[in-house]
C-alpha atoms as a PDB file:
ATOM      1  CA  MET A   1      17.724   9.744  -8.407  1.00  0.00           C
ATOM      2  CA  LYS A   2      19.644   8.533 -11.424  1.00  0.00           C
ATOM      3  CA  LEU A   3      18.848   5.111 -12.844  1.00  0.00           C
ATOM      4  CA  ASP A   4      21.129   3.276 -15.246  1.00  0.00           C
ATOM      5  CA  ALA A   5      19.727   1.662 -18.402  1.00  0.00           C
ATOM      6  CA  LYS A   6      19.030  -1.700 -16.757  1.00  0.00           C
ATOM      7  CA  GLU A   7      17.335  -0.070 -13.736  1.00  0.00           C
ATOM      8  CA  ARG A   8      15.159   2.098 -16.010  1.00  0.00           C
ATOM      9  CA  MET A   9      13.928  -0.960 -17.858  1.00  0.00           C
ATOM     10  CA  VAL A  10      13.241  -2.865 -14.633  1.00  0.00           C
ATOM     11  CA  LEU A  11      11.221   0.101 -13.377  1.00  0.00           C
ATOM     12  CA  LEU A  12       9.202   0.229 -16.577  1.00  0.00           C
ATOM     13  CA  GLN A  13       8.698  -3.514 -16.548  1.00  0.00           C
ATOM     14  CA  PHE A  14       7.117  -3.203 -13.103  1.00  0.00           C
ATOM     15  CA  VAL A  15       5.078  -0.166 -14.137  1.00  0.00           C
ATOM     16  CA  CYS A  16       3.735  -2.015 -17.176  1.00  0.00           C
ATOM     17  CA  SER A  17       2.911  -5.054 -15.066  1.00  0.00           C
ATOM     18  CA  PHE A  18       0.856  -2.836 -12.747  1.00  0.00           C
ATOM     19  CA  ALA A  19      -0.931  -1.343 -15.759  1.00  0.00           C
ATOM     20  CA  TRP A  20      -1.994  -4.907 -16.676  1.00  0.00           C
ATOM     21  CA  THR A  21      -3.279  -5.853 -13.202  1.00  0.00           C
ATOM     22  CA  ASP A  22      -6.927  -5.412 -14.193  1.00  0.00           C
ATOM     23  CA  LEU A  23      -6.198  -7.254 -17.483  1.00  0.00           C
ATOM     24  CA  ARG A  24      -6.557  -4.137 -19.638  1.00  0.00           C
ATOM     25  CA  VAL A  25      -4.224  -1.172 -20.101  1.00  0.00           C
ATOM     26  CA  GLN A  26      -6.307   1.992 -19.958  1.00  0.00           C
ATOM     27  CA  GLN A  27      -5.349   5.015 -22.079  1.00  0.00           C
ATOM     28  CA  GLU A  28      -4.533   7.002 -18.927  1.00  0.00           C
ATOM     29  CA  GLU A  29      -2.141   4.259 -17.823  1.00  0.00           C
ATOM     30  CA  ARG A  30      -0.541   4.167 -21.262  1.00  0.00           C
ATOM     31  CA  ASP A  31      -0.144   7.964 -21.170  1.00  0.00           C
ATOM     32  CA  LEU A  32       1.508   7.775 -17.740  1.00  0.00           C
ATOM     33  CA  VAL A  33       3.926   5.072 -18.894  1.00  0.00           C
ATOM     34  CA  MET A  34       4.889   7.149 -21.922  1.00  0.00           C
ATOM     35  CA  ARG A  35       5.442  10.243 -19.744  1.00  0.00           C
ATOM     36  CA  ILE A  36       7.742   8.188 -17.520  1.00  0.00           C
ATOM     37  CA  CYS A  37       9.590   7.008 -20.627  1.00  0.00           C
ATOM     38  CA  GLY A  38      10.029  10.623 -21.691  1.00  0.00           C
ATOM     39  CA  ARG A  39      11.375  11.659 -18.290  1.00  0.00           C
ATOM     40  CA  LEU A  40      13.830   8.750 -18.286  1.00  0.00           C
ATOM     41  CA  GLY A  41      15.132   9.499 -21.774  1.00  0.00           C
ATOM     42  CA  LEU A  42      14.787   5.998 -23.193  1.00  0.00           C
ATOM     43  CA  THR A  43      16.476   4.947 -26.395  1.00  0.00           C
ATOM     44  CA  ASN A  44      14.327   3.917 -29.362  1.00  0.00           C
ATOM     45  CA  ALA A  45      15.017   0.236 -28.646  1.00  0.00           C
ATOM     46  CA  GLU A  46      14.016   0.647 -24.990  1.00  0.00           C
ATOM     47  CA  LEU A  47      10.866   2.509 -26.009  1.00  0.00           C
ATOM     48  CA  GLN A  48       9.948  -0.289 -28.415  1.00  0.00           C
ATOM     49  CA  GLN A  49      10.278  -2.821 -25.582  1.00  0.00           C
ATOM     50  CA  VAL A  50       7.998  -0.745 -23.346  1.00  0.00           C
ATOM     51  CA  GLU A  51       5.456  -0.503 -26.152  1.00  0.00           C
ATOM     52  CA  LEU A  52       5.502  -4.308 -26.416  1.00  0.00           C
ATOM     53  CA  TRP A  53       4.870  -4.569 -22.659  1.00  0.00           C
ATOM     54  CA  LEU A  54       1.861  -2.302 -23.121  1.00  0.00           C
ATOM     55  CA  LEU A  55       0.524  -4.690 -25.775  1.00  0.00           C
ATOM     56  CA  ARG A  56       1.309  -7.850 -23.800  1.00  0.00           C
ATOM     57  CA  PRO A  57       2.236  -7.915 -20.092  1.00  0.00           C
ATOM     58  CA  PRO A  58       5.793  -8.641 -19.004  1.00  0.00           C
ATOM     59  CA  ALA A  59       6.378 -12.224 -17.894  1.00  0.00           C
ATOM     60  CA  ALA A  60       5.682 -12.549 -14.172  1.00  0.00           C
ATOM     61  CA  ASP A  61       8.757 -14.744 -13.791  1.00  0.00           C
ATOM     62  CA  ASP A  62      10.911 -11.775 -14.838  1.00  0.00           C
ATOM     63  CA  LEU A  63       9.621  -9.593 -11.984  1.00  0.00           C
ATOM     64  CA  ASP A  64      11.222  -9.952  -8.561  1.00  0.00           C
ATOM     65  CA  PRO A  65      10.581  -6.999  -6.235  1.00  0.00           C
ATOM     66  CA  THR A  66      13.161  -8.276  -3.749  1.00  0.00           C
ATOM     67  CA  GLN A  67      15.888  -7.589  -6.331  1.00  0.00           C
ATOM     68  CA  ILE A  68      15.103  -3.858  -6.463  1.00  0.00           C
ATOM     69  CA  PRO A  69      17.948  -1.998  -4.724  1.00  0.00           C
ATOM     70  CA  ARG A  70      16.907  -0.383  -1.445  1.00  0.00           C
ATOM     71  CA  ALA A  71      17.876   3.029  -2.780  1.00  0.00           C
ATOM     72  CA  HIS A  72      15.276   2.709  -5.553  1.00  0.00           C
ATOM     73  CA  ARG A  73      12.412   1.044  -3.717  1.00  0.00           C
ATOM     74  CA  GLN A  74      10.537   4.252  -2.887  1.00  0.00           C
ATOM     75  CA  LEU A  75      10.731   5.368  -6.521  1.00  0.00           C
ATOM     76  CA  PHE A  76       9.416   2.001  -7.746  1.00  0.00           C
ATOM     77  CA  LEU A  77       6.583   2.079  -5.211  1.00  0.00           C
ATOM     78  CA  GLN A  78       5.606   5.627  -6.176  1.00  0.00           C
ATOM     79  CA  ALA A  79       5.588   4.668  -9.858  1.00  0.00           C
ATOM     80  CA  ALA A  80       3.434   1.596  -9.152  1.00  0.00           C
ATOM     81  CA  GLU A  81       0.982   3.669  -7.088  1.00  0.00           C
ATOM     82  CA  ALA A  82       0.742   6.304  -9.814  1.00  0.00           C
ATOM     83  CA  THR A  83       0.071   3.600 -12.397  1.00  0.00           C
ATOM     84  CA  VAL A  84      -2.824   1.971 -10.543  1.00  0.00           C
ATOM     85  CA  LYS A  85      -4.364   5.387  -9.856  1.00  0.00           C
ATOM     86  CA  ALA A  86      -3.857   6.737 -13.396  1.00  0.00           C
ATOM     87  CA  ASP A  87      -7.312   5.820 -14.681  1.00  0.00           C
ATOM     88  CA  GLY A  88      -9.083   7.305 -11.681  1.00  0.00           C
ATOM     89  CA  ARG A  89     -10.145   4.039 -10.074  1.00  0.00           C
ATOM     90  CA  VAL A  90      -8.348   1.330  -8.155  1.00  0.00           C
ATOM     91  CA  VAL A  91      -9.944  -2.093  -8.497  1.00  0.00           C
ATOM     92  CA  PRO A  92      -9.461  -4.719  -5.762  1.00  0.00           C
ATOM     93  CA  ALA A  93      -6.849  -6.642  -7.789  1.00  0.00           C
ATOM     94  CA  GLU A  94      -4.771  -3.465  -8.172  1.00  0.00           C
ATOM     95  CA  ARG A  95      -5.102  -2.645  -4.472  1.00  0.00           C
ATOM     96  CA  ASP A  96      -4.065  -6.188  -3.532  1.00  0.00           C
ATOM     97  CA  GLN A  97      -1.097  -6.289  -5.908  1.00  0.00           C
ATOM     98  CA  LEU A  98       0.078  -2.906  -4.655  1.00  0.00           C
ATOM     99  CA  ALA A  99      -0.178  -4.091  -1.021  1.00  0.00           C
ATOM    100  CA  VAL A 100       1.919  -7.179  -1.782  1.00  0.00           C
ATOM    101  CA  PHE A 101       4.459  -5.048  -3.666  1.00  0.00           C
ATOM    102  CA  ARG A 102       4.673  -2.590  -0.758  1.00  0.00           C
ATOM    103  CA  GLU A 103       5.171  -5.456   1.698  1.00  0.00           C
ATOM    104  CA  LEU A 104       7.910  -7.068  -0.398  1.00  0.00           C
ATOM    105  CA  LEU A 105       9.741  -3.757  -0.713  1.00  0.00           C
ATOM    106  CA  ALA A 106       9.582  -3.152   3.055  1.00  0.00           C
ATOM    107  CA  ASP A 107      12.022  -5.973   3.848  1.00  0.00           C
END
């Protein structure tokens, strides 16, 4: 599936927000985010924005799962799941946030 520049950044914004769910970005989560960036072929400016999101979480007000196009919802969900599992443990807050995300994408 091909994402345009805006869609790539929305995906990474969600991925970074999931990395912050337990209030700390683990190295494994950071590594996963950077691998996703590499696969998506981000520009330097886009990569800098993602690096900022890894230092400070994206604003929650900027994240609206209901605005994700239906065609991309499975991809976003898979990326979120991979992010919460990246460090080898899923804490209750991550499990809960993922469940809410899954429910919102099911509409």
